[in-house]
C-alpha atoms as a PDB file:
ATOM      1  CA  MET A   1     -66.630  25.388  17.801  1.00  0.00           C
ATOM      2  CA  TYR A   2     -65.566  23.592  20.855  1.00  0.00           C
ATOM      3  CA  ASP A   3     -62.172  21.886  21.246  1.00  0.00           C
ATOM      4  CA  HIS A   4     -62.104  18.293  19.930  1.00  0.00           C
ATOM      5  CA  SER A   5     -58.717  17.360  21.323  1.00  0.00           C
ATOM      6  CA  ASP A   6     -59.666  15.029  24.144  1.00  0.00           C
ATOM      7  CA  ILE A   7     -62.014  13.365  21.755  1.00  0.00           C
ATOM      8  CA  VAL A   8     -59.504  12.694  19.056  1.00  0.00           C
ATOM      9  CA  ASN A   9     -56.854  11.521  21.818  1.00  0.00           C
ATOM     10  CA  ASP A  10     -59.477   8.974  22.931  1.00  0.00           C
ATOM     11  CA  LEU A  11     -60.072   7.865  19.233  1.00  0.00           C
ATOM     12  CA  PHE A  12     -56.332   7.286  18.855  1.00  0.00           C
ATOM     13  CA  GLU A  13     -56.015   5.077  22.064  1.00  0.00           C
ATOM     14  CA  SER A  14     -59.159   3.130  21.057  1.00  0.00           C
ATOM     15  CA  GLN A  15     -58.031   2.547  17.603  1.00  0.00           C
ATOM     16  CA  PHE A  16     -54.640   1.353  18.737  1.00  0.00           C
ATOM     17  CA  ARG A  17     -56.224  -1.107  20.908  1.00  0.00           C
ATOM     18  CA  GLU A  18     -58.576  -2.377  18.388  1.00  0.00           C
ATOM     19  CA  TRP A  19     -56.826  -2.224  14.894  1.00  0.00           C
ATOM     20  CA  PRO A  20     -53.414  -3.832  14.774  1.00  0.00           C
ATOM     21  CA  LEU A  21     -52.721  -2.400  11.221  1.00  0.00           C
ATOM     22  CA  ALA A  22     -53.038   1.087  12.505  1.00  0.00           C
ATOM     23  CA  ARG A  23     -51.059   0.545  15.703  1.00  0.00           C
ATOM     24  CA  ASP A  24     -48.236  -1.242  13.852  1.00  0.00           C
ATOM     25  CA  ASN A  25     -47.923   1.527  11.215  1.00  0.00           C
ATOM     26  CA  TYR A  26     -47.770   4.216  13.839  1.00  0.00           C
ATOM     27  CA  GLY A  27     -45.201   2.293  15.701  1.00  0.00           C
ATOM     28  CA  GLN A  28     -43.224   2.078  12.471  1.00  0.00           C
ATOM     29  CA  LEU A  29     -42.892   5.807  12.399  1.00  0.00           C
ATOM     30  CA  ASP A  30     -40.199   5.169  15.141  1.00  0.00           C
ATOM     31  CA  SER A  31     -37.887   3.888  12.343  1.00  0.00           C
ATOM     32  CA  VAL A  32     -38.797   6.305   9.548  1.00  0.00           C
ATOM     33  CA  ARG A  33     -35.552   8.129   8.321  1.00  0.00           C
ATOM     34  CA  VAL A  34     -35.387  11.814   7.889  1.00  0.00           C
ATOM     35  CA  ARG A  35     -32.732  14.013   6.358  1.00  0.00           C
ATOM     36  CA  LYS A  36     -32.661  17.776   6.033  1.00  0.00           C
ATOM     37  CA  ILE A  37     -31.597  19.486   2.930  1.00  0.00           C
ATOM     38  CA  PRO A  38     -30.680  23.063   3.506  1.00  0.00           C
ATOM     39  CA  PHE A  39     -31.753  26.054   1.053  1.00  0.00           C
ATOM     40  CA  PRO A  40     -31.051  29.680   1.744  1.00  0.00           C
ATOM     41  CA  GLY A  41     -33.122  30.712   4.721  1.00  0.00           C
ATOM     42  CA  TYR A  42     -35.054  27.405   5.168  1.00  0.00           C
ATOM     43  CA  GLU A  43     -34.632  23.644   5.245  1.00  0.00           C
ATOM     44  CA  ILE A  44     -36.731  20.746   3.292  1.00  0.00           C
ATOM     45  CA  ALA A  45     -37.056  17.621   5.292  1.00  0.00           C
ATOM     46  CA  VAL A  46     -36.973  14.454   3.234  1.00  0.00           C
ATOM     47  CA  GLN A  47     -38.681  11.270   4.849  1.00  0.00           C
ATOM     48  CA  PHE A  48     -38.280   7.706   3.875  1.00  0.00           C
ATOM     49  CA  ASN A  49     -41.645   6.288   4.548  1.00  0.00           C
ATOM     50  CA  PRO A  50     -42.547   2.931   2.523  1.00  0.00           C
ATOM     51  CA  GLY A  51     -45.989   2.911   3.983  1.00  0.00           C
ATOM     52  CA  ARG A  52     -46.926   5.907   1.887  1.00  0.00           C
ATOM     53  CA  ILE A  53     -46.510   3.957  -1.466  1.00  0.00           C
ATOM     54  CA  VAL A  54     -50.356   3.530  -1.286  1.00  0.00           C
ATOM     55  CA  SER A  55     -50.846   7.126  -1.725  1.00  0.00           C
ATOM     56  CA  SER A  56     -47.832   8.058  -3.747  1.00  0.00           C
ATOM     57  CA  ALA A  57     -48.621   5.655  -6.555  1.00  0.00           C
ATOM     58  CA  ALA A  58     -52.347   5.854  -6.464  1.00  0.00           C
ATOM     59  CA  MET A  59     -53.877   5.736  -9.771  1.00  0.00           C
ATOM     60  CA  VAL A  60     -56.121   8.789  -9.904  1.00  0.00           C
ATOM     61  CA  ASP A  61     -57.292   8.776 -13.493  1.00  0.00           C
ATOM     62  CA  ALA A  62     -61.149   8.763 -14.123  1.00  0.00           C
ATOM     63  CA  GLY A  63     -60.885   5.133 -15.303  1.00  0.00           C
ATOM     64  CA  SER A  64     -59.101   3.636 -12.223  1.00  0.00           C
ATOM     65  CA  ILE A  65     -61.305   5.894  -9.863  1.00  0.00           C
ATOM     66  CA  LYS A  66     -64.573   4.422 -11.479  1.00  0.00           C
ATOM     67  CA  ALA A  67     -63.074   0.796 -11.322  1.00  0.00           C
ATOM     68  CA  ARG A  68     -62.377   0.780  -7.592  1.00  0.00           C
ATOM     69  CA  PRO A  69     -64.729   1.059  -4.470  1.00  0.00           C
ATOM     70  CA  CYS A  70     -64.272   4.295  -2.675  1.00  0.00           C
ATOM     71  CA  PHE A  71     -62.195   3.557   0.499  1.00  0.00           C
ATOM     72  CA  LEU A  72     -63.587   6.700   2.203  1.00  0.00           C
ATOM     73  CA  CYS A  73     -67.144   5.618   2.002  1.00  0.00           C
ATOM     74  CA  GLU A  74     -68.415   3.969   5.267  1.00  0.00           C
ATOM     75  CA  ASP A  75     -69.521   0.760   3.622  1.00  0.00           C
ATOM     76  CA  ASN A  76     -65.978   0.164   2.125  1.00  0.00           C
ATOM     77  CA  ARG A  77     -63.932   1.089   5.247  1.00  0.00           C
ATOM     78  CA  PRO A  78     -62.067  -1.400   7.307  1.00  0.00           C
ATOM     79  CA  PRO A  79     -64.357  -2.898   9.904  1.00  0.00           C
ATOM     80  CA  GLU A  80     -61.896  -1.836  12.525  1.00  0.00           C
ATOM     81  CA  GLN A  81     -61.874   1.702  11.459  1.00  0.00           C
ATOM     82  CA  ARG A  82     -64.039   3.815  13.715  1.00  0.00           C
ATOM     83  CA  GLY A  83     -64.643   7.323  13.859  1.00  0.00           C
ATOM     84  CA  VAL A  84     -66.158  10.276  15.768  1.00  0.00           C
ATOM     85  CA  PRO A  85     -68.597  12.879  14.232  1.00  0.00           C
ATOM     86  CA  PHE A  86     -67.448  16.316  13.359  1.00  0.00           C
ATOM     87  CA  GLY A  87     -70.652  18.402  13.080  1.00  0.00           C
ATOM     88  CA  SER A  88     -73.420  16.902  10.938  1.00  0.00           C
ATOM     89  CA  ASP A  89     -71.484  16.558   7.759  1.00  0.00           C
ATOM     90  CA  TYR A  90     -68.059  14.971   8.650  1.00  0.00           C
ATOM     91  CA  ILE A  91     -66.451  11.971  10.300  1.00  0.00           C
ATOM     92  CA  ILE A  92     -63.037  12.079  12.005  1.00  0.00           C
ATOM     93  CA  LEU A  93     -61.044   8.922  11.196  1.00  0.00           C
ATOM     94  CA  ILE A  94     -57.233   8.184  12.176  1.00  0.00           C
ATOM     95  CA  ASN A  95     -55.096   7.710   8.884  1.00  0.00           C
ATOM     96  CA  PRO A  96     -53.815   4.329   8.973  1.00  0.00           C
ATOM     97  CA  PHE A  97     -50.922   5.171   6.888  1.00  0.00           C
ATOM     98  CA  PRO A  98     -49.331   7.980   8.694  1.00  0.00           C
ATOM     99  CA  ILE A  99     -46.810  10.597   8.020  1.00  0.00           C
ATOM    100  CA  PHE A 100     -47.445  12.392  11.297  1.00  0.00           C
ATOM    101  CA  ARG A 101     -47.337  10.987  14.774  1.00  0.00           C
ATOM    102  CA  ARG A 102     -51.035  12.006  15.025  1.00  0.00           C
ATOM    103  CA  HIS A 103     -52.653  11.783  11.507  1.00  0.00           C
ATOM    104  CA  LEU A 104     -56.309  12.263  10.697  1.00  0.00           C
ATOM    105  CA  THR A 105     -58.538  11.897   7.623  1.00  0.00           C
ATOM    106  CA  ILE A 106     -61.622  14.139   7.992  1.00  0.00           C
ATOM    107  CA  VAL A 107     -64.183  12.619   5.752  1.00  0.00           C
ATOM    108  CA  ASN A 108     -67.579  13.902   4.376  1.00  0.00           C
ATOM    109  CA  ARG A 109     -70.379  11.419   5.113  1.00  0.00           C
ATOM    110  CA  ALA A 110     -71.538  11.908   1.664  1.00  0.00           C
ATOM    111  CA  HIS A 111     -69.847  10.477  -1.579  1.00  0.00           C
ATOM    112  CA  THR A 112     -69.282  13.967  -3.043  1.00  0.00           C
ATOM    113  CA  PRO A 113     -66.296  15.186  -5.235  1.00  0.00           C
ATOM    114  CA  GLN A 114     -63.324  16.834  -3.583  1.00  0.00           C
ATOM    115  CA  GLN A 115     -63.649  20.443  -3.946  1.00  0.00           C
ATOM    116  CA  ILE A 116     -62.740  23.255  -1.661  1.00  0.00           C
ATOM    117  CA  GLU A 117     -65.337  25.545  -3.226  1.00  0.00           C
ATOM    118  CA  GLY A 118     -68.167  25.888  -0.769  1.00  0.00           C
ATOM    119  CA  ASN A 119     -66.227  24.079   1.937  1.00  0.00           C
ATOM    120  CA  PHE A 120     -63.531  26.457   3.081  1.00  0.00           C
ATOM    121  CA  LEU A 121     -65.443  27.595   6.046  1.00  0.00           C
ATOM    122  CA  SER A 122     -65.606  23.802   7.239  1.00  0.00           C
ATOM    123  CA  MET A 123     -61.751  23.837   6.928  1.00  0.00           C
ATOM    124  CA  LEU A 124     -61.508  26.797   9.234  1.00  0.00           C
ATOM    125  CA  SER A 125     -64.011  25.092  11.749  1.00  0.00           C
ATOM    126  CA  MET A 126     -61.848  22.068  11.721  1.00  0.00           C
ATOM    127  CA  ALA A 127     -58.703  24.098  12.523  1.00  0.00           C
ATOM    128  CA  GLU A 128     -60.448  25.916  15.319  1.00  0.00           C
ATOM    129  CA  ALA A 129     -61.869  22.700  16.851  1.00  0.00           C
ATOM    130  CA  LEU A 130     -58.437  20.897  16.448  1.00  0.00           C
ATOM    131  CA  PRO A 131     -55.883  23.612  17.777  1.00  0.00           C
ATOM    132  CA  ASP A 132     -53.094  21.097  18.091  1.00  0.00           C
ATOM    133  CA  PHE A 133     -53.297  19.966  14.348  1.00  0.00           C
ATOM    134  CA  VAL A 134     -52.683  21.533  10.851  1.00  0.00           C
ATOM    135  CA  ILE A 135     -55.507  20.916   8.669  1.00  0.00           C
ATOM    136  CA  PHE A 136     -54.666  20.370   4.870  1.00  0.00           C
ATOM    137  CA  TYR A 137     -56.538  19.972   1.938  1.00  0.00           C
ATOM    138  CA  ASN A 138     -55.290  18.368  -1.392  1.00  0.00           C
ATOM    139  CA  GLY A 139     -57.132  19.232  -4.526  1.00  0.00           C
ATOM    140  CA  PRO A 140     -58.549  16.389  -6.911  1.00  0.00           C
ATOM    141  CA  GLN A 141     -55.528  16.957  -9.325  1.00  0.00           C
ATOM    142  CA  CYS A 142     -52.765  17.738  -7.025  1.00  0.00           C
ATOM    143  CA  GLY A 143     -52.454  14.989  -4.197  1.00  0.00           C
ATOM    144  CA  ALA A 144     -55.757  13.705  -3.196  1.00  0.00           C
ATOM    145  CA  SER A 145     -55.739   9.938  -3.478  1.00  0.00           C
ATOM    146  CA  ALA A 146     -59.657   9.907  -3.362  1.00  0.00           C
ATOM    147  CA  PRO A 147     -60.695  12.791  -5.727  1.00  0.00           C
ATOM    148  CA  ASP A 148     -64.194  11.420  -5.725  1.00  0.00           C
ATOM    149  CA  HIS A 149     -64.783  11.845  -2.146  1.00  0.00           C
ATOM    150  CA  LEU A 150     -64.510  15.120  -0.278  1.00  0.00           C
ATOM    151  CA  HIS A 151     -62.027  14.987   2.666  1.00  0.00           C
ATOM    152  CA  PHE A 152     -59.396  16.842   4.682  1.00  0.00           C
ATOM    153  CA  GLN A 153     -56.520  15.567   6.543  1.00  0.00           C
ATOM    154  CA  ALA A 154     -54.895  16.805   9.790  1.00  0.00           C
ATOM    155  CA  GLY A 155     -51.533  16.341  11.296  1.00  0.00           C
ATOM    156  CA  ASN A 156     -49.822  17.438  14.675  1.00  0.00           C
ATOM    157  CA  ARG A 157     -48.477  20.842  14.961  1.00  0.00           C
ATOM    158  CA  GLY A 158     -44.776  21.454  14.940  1.00  0.00           C
ATOM    159  CA  PHE A 159     -44.063  18.901  12.221  1.00  0.00           C
ATOM    160  CA  LEU A 160     -44.165  21.025   9.126  1.00  0.00           C
ATOM    161  CA  PRO A 161     -41.348  23.519   8.581  1.00  0.00           C
ATOM    162  CA  VAL A 162     -43.668  25.938   7.093  1.00  0.00           C
ATOM    163  CA  GLU A 163     -45.123  26.577  10.499  1.00  0.00           C
ATOM    164  CA  MET A 164     -41.623  27.994  11.596  1.00  0.00           C
ATOM    165  CA  ASP A 165     -40.766  29.375   8.135  1.00  0.00           C
ATOM    166  CA  ALA A 166     -43.941  31.556   8.513  1.00  0.00           C
ATOM    167  CA  GLY A 167     -42.324  33.572  11.188  1.00  0.00           C
ATOM    168  CA  ASN A 168     -39.374  34.598   9.034  1.00  0.00           C
ATOM    169  CA  PRO A 169     -39.602  37.965   7.704  1.00  0.00           C
ATOM    170  CA  GLY A 170     -37.020  37.186   5.113  1.00  0.00           C
ATOM    171  CA  LEU A 171     -39.334  34.383   3.548  1.00  0.00           C
ATOM    172  CA  SER A 172     -42.745  36.285   3.610  1.00  0.00           C
ATOM    173  CA  SER A 173     -44.269  39.670   4.188  1.00  0.00           C
ATOM    174  CA  THR A 174     -47.546  41.406   4.624  1.00  0.00           C
ATOM    175  CA  VAL A 175     -48.343  43.262   1.279  1.00  0.00           C
ATOM    176  CA  ALA A 176     -52.106  44.050   2.262  1.00  0.00           C
ATOM    177  CA  SER A 177     -54.494  44.293   5.052  1.00  0.00           C
ATOM    178  CA  SER A 178     -58.372  44.802   5.326  1.00  0.00           C
ATOM    179  CA  GLY A 179     -61.211  44.301   7.628  1.00  0.00           C
ATOM    180  CA  GLY A 180     -59.092  42.482  10.310  1.00  0.00           C
ATOM    181  CA  ILE A 181     -57.265  40.241   7.855  1.00  0.00           C
ATOM    182  CA  GLU A 182     -53.887  40.237   6.153  1.00  0.00           C
ATOM    183  CA  LEU A 183     -52.292  38.932   2.816  1.00  0.00           C
ATOM    184  CA  ARG A 184     -48.775  37.750   2.987  1.00  0.00           C
ATOM    185  CA  LEU A 185     -46.730  36.723  -0.058  1.00  0.00           C
ATOM    186  CA  TRP A 186     -43.641  34.523   0.002  1.00  0.00           C
ATOM    187  CA  SER A 187     -40.507  35.168  -2.038  1.00  0.00           C
ATOM    188  CA  GLY A 188     -37.354  32.944  -2.463  1.00  0.00           C
ATOM    189  CA  TYR A 189     -39.217  29.695  -0.920  1.00  0.00           C
ATOM    190  CA  GLY A 190     -38.743  27.704  -4.089  1.00  0.00           C
ATOM    191  CA  ARG A 191     -42.687  27.592  -4.339  1.00  0.00           C
ATOM    192  CA  GLY A 192     -45.140  30.443  -5.122  1.00  0.00           C
ATOM    193  CA  MET A 193     -47.249  30.853  -1.983  1.00  0.00           C
ATOM    194  CA  LEU A 194     -49.678  33.097  -0.394  1.00  0.00           C
ATOM    195  CA  THR A 195     -50.975  33.223   3.200  1.00  0.00           C
ATOM    196  CA  LEU A 196     -54.303  34.670   4.580  1.00  0.00           C
ATOM    197  CA  ALA A 197     -54.543  35.374   8.312  1.00  0.00           C
ATOM    198  CA  GLY A 198     -56.941  36.963  10.584  1.00  0.00           C
ATOM    199  CA  SER A 199     -59.645  36.334  13.088  1.00  0.00           C
ATOM    200  CA  ASP A 200     -62.919  36.848  10.856  1.00  0.00           C
ATOM    201  CA  SER A 201     -63.790  33.598   9.279  1.00  0.00           C
ATOM    202  CA  ARG A 202     -66.192  35.159   6.809  1.00  0.00           C
ATOM    203  CA  ALA A 203     -63.837  37.901   5.699  1.00  0.00           C
ATOM    204  CA  LEU A 204     -61.188  35.190   5.050  1.00  0.00           C
ATOM    205  CA  ASP A 205     -63.797  33.147   3.165  1.00  0.00           C
ATOM    206  CA  ASN A 206     -64.666  36.159   0.843  1.00  0.00           C
ATOM    207  CA  ALA A 207     -60.821  36.806   0.236  1.00  0.00           C
ATOM    208  CA  PHE A 208     -60.182  33.162  -0.483  1.00  0.00           C
ATOM    209  CA  THR A 209     -63.344  33.205  -2.889  1.00  0.00           C
ATOM    210  CA  ARG A 210     -62.015  36.198  -4.745  1.00  0.00           C
ATOM    211  CA  PHE A 211     -58.622  34.386  -5.100  1.00  0.00           C
ATOM    212  CA  TYR A 212     -60.136  31.137  -6.205  1.00  0.00           C
ATOM    213  CA  ASN A 213     -62.358  32.679  -8.977  1.00  0.00           C
ATOM    214  CA  LYS A 214     -59.328  34.601 -10.406  1.00  0.00           C
ATOM    215  CA  PHE A 215     -57.293  31.548 -10.236  1.00  0.00           C
ATOM    216  CA  ALA A 216     -60.001  29.279 -11.645  1.00  0.00           C
ATOM    217  CA  ALA A 217     -60.059  31.460 -14.743  1.00  0.00           C
ATOM    218  CA  THR A 218     -56.627  30.643 -15.587  1.00  0.00           C
ATOM    219  CA  GLN A 219     -57.448  26.925 -15.462  1.00  0.00           C
ATOM    220  CA  PRO A 220     -60.906  26.542 -16.983  1.00  0.00           C
ATOM    221  CA  GLU A 221     -60.411  23.122 -18.229  1.00  0.00           C
ATOM    222  CA  ARG A 222     -59.964  21.585 -14.635  1.00  0.00           C
ATOM    223  CA  PRO A 223     -62.606  20.552 -12.249  1.00  0.00           C
ATOM    224  CA  GLU A 224     -61.096  23.225  -9.895  1.00  0.00           C
ATOM    225  CA  PRO A 225     -57.963  25.143  -9.817  1.00  0.00           C
ATOM    226  CA  MET A 226     -55.014  23.225  -8.734  1.00  0.00           C
ATOM    227  CA  LEU A 227     -54.407  23.918  -5.152  1.00  0.00           C
ATOM    228  CA  ASN A 228     -52.725  22.690  -1.752  1.00  0.00           C
ATOM    229  CA  MET A 229     -53.711  24.342   1.433  1.00  0.00           C
ATOM    230  CA  LEU A 230     -52.683  24.299   5.079  1.00  0.00           C
ATOM    231  CA  ALA A 231     -54.629  25.939   7.919  1.00  0.00           C
ATOM    232  CA  TYR A 232     -54.355  26.330  11.553  1.00  0.00           C
ATOM    233  CA  HIS A 233     -55.767  28.247  14.420  1.00  0.00           C
ATOM    234  CA  SER A 234     -53.858  29.960  17.424  1.00  0.00           C
ATOM    235  CA  ALA A 235     -54.779  32.783  19.885  1.00  0.00           C
ATOM    236  CA  GLY A 236     -58.156  33.412  18.001  1.00  0.00           C
ATOM    237  CA  ARG A 237     -56.590  33.823  14.583  1.00  0.00           C
ATOM    238  CA  TRP A 238     -56.397  31.399  11.596  1.00  0.00           C
ATOM    239  CA  THR A 239     -53.502  31.129   9.242  1.00  0.00           C
ATOM    240  CA  ILE A 240     -54.004  29.612   5.752  1.00  0.00           C
ATOM    241  CA  HIS A 241     -51.109  28.868   3.534  1.00  0.00           C
ATOM    242  CA  ILE A 242     -52.358  28.423  -0.193  1.00  0.00           C
ATOM    243  CA  ILE A 243     -49.951  26.892  -2.724  1.00  0.00           C
ATOM    244  CA  PRO A 244     -51.427  27.191  -6.447  1.00  0.00           C
ATOM    245  CA  ARG A 245     -50.254  24.495  -8.721  1.00  0.00           C
ATOM    246  CA  ARG A 246     -49.722  24.003 -12.248  1.00  0.00           C
ATOM    247  CA  LEU A 247     -49.094  20.276 -12.526  1.00  0.00           C
ATOM    248  CA  HIS A 248     -49.803  17.189 -10.582  1.00  0.00           C
ATOM    249  CA  ARG A 249     -46.715  15.048 -10.736  1.00  0.00           C
ATOM    250  CA  PRO A 250     -43.413  16.047 -11.841  1.00  0.00           C
ATOM    251  CA  SER A 251     -41.750  14.429 -14.981  1.00  0.00           C
ATOM    252  CA  CYS A 252     -39.208  12.677 -12.715  1.00  0.00           C
ATOM    253  CA  TYR A 253     -42.196  10.634 -11.406  1.00  0.00           C
ATOM    254  CA  PHE A 254     -42.588   9.035 -14.983  1.00  0.00           C
ATOM    255  CA  ALA A 255     -39.057   9.026 -15.879  1.00  0.00           C
ATOM    256  CA  ALA A 256     -37.256   5.752 -16.875  1.00  0.00           C
ATOM    257  CA  GLU A 257     -34.818   4.192 -14.254  1.00  0.00           C
ATOM    258  CA  PRO A 258     -32.390   5.123 -12.701  1.00  0.00           C
ATOM    259  CA  GLY A 259     -33.714   8.782 -13.305  1.00  0.00           C
ATOM    260  CA  ARG A 260     -36.973   8.253 -11.790  1.00  0.00           C
ATOM    261  CA  ILE A 261     -38.089   9.704  -8.402  1.00  0.00           C
ATOM    262  CA  LEU A 262     -41.427   8.309  -7.309  1.00  0.00           C
ATOM    263  CA  LEU A 263     -42.393  11.545  -5.584  1.00  0.00           C
ATOM    264  CA  SER A 264     -45.985  12.783  -5.925  1.00  0.00           C
ATOM    265  CA  PRO A 265     -46.097  16.111  -4.019  1.00  0.00           C
ATOM    266  CA  ALA A 266     -49.162  17.154  -2.169  1.00  0.00           C
ATOM    267  CA  SER A 267     -49.691  19.632   0.871  1.00  0.00           C
ATOM    268  CA  VAL A 268     -47.253  18.029   3.250  1.00  0.00           C
ATOM    269  CA  ASP A 269     -44.410  18.305   0.627  1.00  0.00           C
ATOM    270  CA  MET A 270     -45.354  21.833  -0.040  1.00  0.00           C
ATOM    271  CA  GLY A 271     -45.188  22.330   3.801  1.00  0.00           C
ATOM    272  CA  GLY A 272     -41.626  21.301   3.689  1.00  0.00           C
ATOM    273  CA  VAL A 273     -41.465  17.551   4.158  1.00  0.00           C
ATOM    274  CA  PHE A 274     -40.976  15.629   0.966  1.00  0.00           C
ATOM    275  CA  ILE A 275     -42.241  11.947   1.258  1.00  0.00           C
ATOM    276  CA  THR A 276     -40.281   9.471  -0.370  1.00  0.00           C
ATOM    277  CA  PRO A 277     -41.681   5.716  -0.392  1.00  0.00           C
ATOM    278  CA  ARG A 278     -38.637   4.172  -2.045  1.00  0.00           C
ATOM    279  CA  GLU A 279     -35.376   3.996  -0.270  1.00  0.00           C
ATOM    280  CA  GLU A 280     -33.307   4.660  -3.292  1.00  0.00           C
ATOM    281  CA  ASP A 281     -35.274   7.932  -3.966  1.00  0.00           C
ATOM    282  CA  TYR A 282     -34.598   8.944  -0.250  1.00  0.00           C
ATOM    283  CA  ILE A 283     -31.091   8.419  -0.821  1.00  0.00           C
ATOM    284  CA  LYS A 284     -30.389  10.151  -4.104  1.00  0.00           C
ATOM    285  CA  ILE A 285     -32.589  13.150  -4.149  1.00  0.00           C
ATOM    286  CA  THR A 286     -30.765  16.422  -4.156  1.00  0.00           C
ATOM    287  CA  ALA A 287     -31.452  20.016  -3.467  1.00  0.00           C
ATOM    288  CA  ALA A 288     -31.434  20.344  -7.187  1.00  0.00           C
ATOM    289  CA  ASP A 289     -34.015  17.847  -7.568  1.00  0.00           C
ATOM    290  CA  ILE A 290     -36.188  19.277  -5.034  1.00  0.00           C
ATOM    291  CA  SER A 291     -35.907  22.741  -6.651  1.00  0.00           C
ATOM    292  CA  SER A 292     -36.770  21.269 -10.056  1.00  0.00           C
ATOM    293  CA  ILE A 293     -39.731  19.420  -8.772  1.00  0.00           C
ATOM    294  CA  LEU A 294     -40.951  22.548  -7.070  1.00  0.00           C
ATOM    295  CA  GLU A 295     -40.568  24.809 -10.061  1.00  0.00           C
ATOM    296  CA  GLU A 296     -42.148  22.269 -12.256  1.00  0.00           C
ATOM    297  CA  VAL A 297     -45.460  21.773 -10.324  1.00  0.00           C
ATOM    298  CA  CYS A 298     -45.980  25.220  -8.548  1.00  0.00           C
ATOM    299  CA  LEU A 299     -46.525  28.814  -9.799  1.00  0.00           C
ATOM    300  CA  SER A 300     -43.695  31.316  -9.595  1.00  0.00           C
ATOM    301  CA  ASP A 301     -43.637  34.132  -6.971  1.00  0.00           C
ATOM    302  CA  GLY A 302     -44.528  36.595  -9.694  1.00  0.00           C
ATOM    303  CA  GLU A 303     -47.496  34.594 -11.055  1.00  0.00           C
ATOM    304  CA  VAL A 304     -48.835  34.415  -7.532  1.00  0.00           C
ATOM    305  CA  LYS A 305     -48.377  38.226  -6.794  1.00  0.00           C
ATOM    306  CA  SER A 306     -50.172  38.832 -10.147  1.00  0.00           C
ATOM    307  CA  LEU A 307     -53.044  36.477  -9.017  1.00  0.00           C
ATOM    308  CA  THR A 308     -53.455  38.433  -5.689  1.00  0.00           C
ATOM    309  CA  GLU A 309     -53.433  42.095  -6.886  1.00  0.00           C
ATOM    310  CA  GLY A 310     -56.209  43.879  -5.382  1.00  0.00           C
ATOM    311  CA  LEU A 311     -57.381  40.719  -3.451  1.00  0.00           C
ATOM    312  CA  LEU A 312     -57.935  42.819  -0.153  1.00  0.00           C
END
């Protein structure tokens, strides 16, 4: 898979010339406010980004999805939004409501449901072809604002704290290795998480499938087990962070004012950047709030350990 970096850079430049909405929204990132909240051994960044209200407040119940046109289908996208092909099945688009300085949505050409089963290798191919990006996947019930249309997103490397935290031996350690890949488990990170790493895409796919099937058995009522995933490729190796979920939105999302915090956590939040589209939430959210949200929506370290026993 060849490097798509130049193609994507050209796409951003042309879209900024042709699409005022996108150009203005990326320009507004200069005024986005960020504050960092310390935890033992790591930090969580909180970003005030009012443009993300579209995603954070998205109605993703079956009735609402059925009632609206799919905004990822080609016929319904803004006329100014142009993309470049990725293989035969995907189109790379710039995301007009960015979190990152470079924020992509990588959309399947077909209107097919959001699911990672059968598409994990596509995610790895994207990570390899876009080495300057983290590829992320939000499951249909934990962050995807278009659960009816298969898509991934990508953001520039170096933005998410999890990338740096992955090198901290106090937060994660290798618990098994086999066939050139390794399994790392995290502890004391506020969210139960596992990491697969290695240079053999098929072996990684096999390991992920085993985990997926075991996790799916614990959530049989769902279209797929609840997952957020972050993947990147460097020096011939993939790193895939997998965050299993138990809940889509925390109770504070539905609370009455003034106790409400309108925060709908997805992969970026799991990667260490909490997105608050309302200023009042940006100002008032505390370390205790963040801990409570993560504990509510994520599995515990022990639950993840149990799901990964015998994985490799």
